[in-house]
Amino acid sequence: MLTRDDVIDIIVERLQRAGGGAPPAPAARPLPPPAPARRKLDEEVRGRQFLSEYDIRKQLTGNSQELKISKNAIISPLAEDWLTLRRIKIIRE
């Protein structure tokens, strides 16, 4: 009995023999310079503190009900979900 992987190997082998392989990759082109809007965003984000879920867990004690962070800190989406799930209030200072 053939497994799923065996069937995939057979199909790939037959496609390669028939010349139906993947098309050649296009030549690499240099990246364009960043757009002005992107440059502005980079300047706004630079220097701000980024808090991941791991960072927040390290800051909190077992019974914490609130988390104090700097006013311009960036909180990862996973960290926000974790805080919401545990009903911990975020206080920006």
Protein backbone atom coordinates (compact mmCIF):
# COMPACT_ATOMS: atom_id res chain seq x y z
CA MET A 1 0.00 0.00 0.00
CA LEU A 2 1.30 3.43 -0.93
CA THR A 3 1.53 6.13 1.68
CA ARG A 4 0.72 9.77 1.05
CA ASP A 5 4.43 10.60 0.83
CA ASP A 6 4.96 7.83 -1.75
CA VAL A 7 2.20 9.27 -3.93
CA ILE A 8 3.69 12.77 -3.67
CA ASP A 9 7.14 11.45 -4.64
CA ILE A 10 5.69 9.64 -7.68
CA ILE A 11 3.81 12.75 -8.86
CA VAL A 12 6.84 15.01 -8.44
CA GLU A 13 9.09 12.54 -10.27
CA ARG A 14 6.70 12.24 -13.21
CA LEU A 15 6.25 16.00 -13.45
CA GLN A 16 10.01 16.49 -13.53
CA ARG A 17 10.40 13.89 -16.31
CA ALA A 18 7.66 15.58 -18.33
CA GLY A 19 9.35 18.96 -17.98
CA GLY A 20 6.57 20.34 -15.82
CA GLY A 21 8.82 21.31 -12.95
CA ALA A 22 8.75 24.65 -11.24
CA PRO A 23 9.44 27.65 -13.48
CA PRO A 24 12.88 29.21 -13.13
CA ALA A 25 13.17 31.85 -10.45
CA PRO A 26 13.24 35.44 -11.72
CA ALA A 27 16.50 37.34 -11.52
CA ALA A 28 16.98 39.17 -8.25
CA ARG A 29 16.33 42.90 -8.48
CA PRO A 30 17.59 45.50 -6.03
CA LEU A 31 15.00 46.69 -3.55
CA PRO A 32 13.65 50.20 -4.07
CA PRO A 33 14.41 52.82 -1.44
CA PRO A 34 11.83 53.01 1.37
CA ALA A 35 8.82 55.18 0.72
CA PRO A 36 8.52 58.43 2.70
CA ALA A 37 5.61 57.01 4.71
CA ARG A 38 7.73 53.99 5.68
CA ARG A 39 10.64 56.23 6.67
CA LYS A 40 8.33 58.25 8.93
CA LEU A 41 7.00 55.08 10.57
CA ASP A 42 10.54 53.81 11.18
CA GLU A 43 11.45 57.08 12.90
CA GLU A 44 8.35 56.90 15.14
CA VAL A 45 9.06 53.32 16.22
CA ARG A 46 12.80 53.70 16.78
CA GLY A 47 13.72 54.02 20.45
CA ARG A 48 10.41 52.70 21.80
CA GLN A 49 10.35 49.78 24.20
CA PHE A 50 8.88 46.52 22.84
CA LEU A 51 7.25 44.19 25.36
CA SER A 52 6.66 40.56 24.48
CA GLU A 53 4.56 38.14 26.48
CA TYR A 54 7.74 36.75 28.06
CA ASP A 55 8.89 40.23 29.14
CA ILE A 56 5.54 40.94 30.75
CA ARG A 57 5.46 37.62 32.62
CA LYS A 58 8.88 38.46 34.09
CA GLN A 59 7.64 41.86 35.32
CA LEU A 60 4.50 40.60 37.03
CA THR A 61 4.27 38.92 40.41
CA GLY A 62 1.80 36.16 41.18
CA ASN A 63 -1.02 38.45 42.41
CA SER A 64 -0.53 41.46 40.11
CA GLN A 65 -3.70 43.08 38.86
CA GLU A 66 -2.07 45.92 36.91
CA LEU A 67 1.01 46.48 34.78
CA LYS A 68 2.77 49.85 34.61
CA ILE A 69 4.64 50.54 31.37
CA SER A 70 6.04 53.60 29.64
CA LYS A 71 3.66 55.79 27.67
CA ASN A 72 5.14 54.96 24.26
CA ALA A 73 5.89 51.23 24.80
CA ILE A 74 4.76 48.74 22.17
CA ILE A 75 3.00 45.60 23.44
CA SER A 76 2.94 42.51 21.24
CA PRO A 77 -0.50 41.16 20.29
CA LEU A 78 0.18 37.91 22.17
CA ALA A 79 1.08 39.90 25.29
CA GLU A 80 -2.13 41.94 25.00
CA ASP A 81 -4.18 38.76 24.70
CA TRP A 82 -2.39 37.24 27.69
CA LEU A 83 -3.06 40.35 29.81
CA THR A 84 -6.72 40.44 28.75
CA LEU A 85 -7.17 36.76 29.56
CA ARG A 86 -5.82 37.30 33.07
CA ARG A 87 -7.75 40.57 33.49
CA ILE A 88 -4.61 42.59 34.16
CA LYS A 89 -5.01 46.32 33.64
CA ILE A 90 -2.36 48.21 31.62
CA ILE A 91 -1.33 51.57 33.07
CA ARG A 92 0.74 53.76 30.75
CA GLU A 93 2.96 56.32 32.48
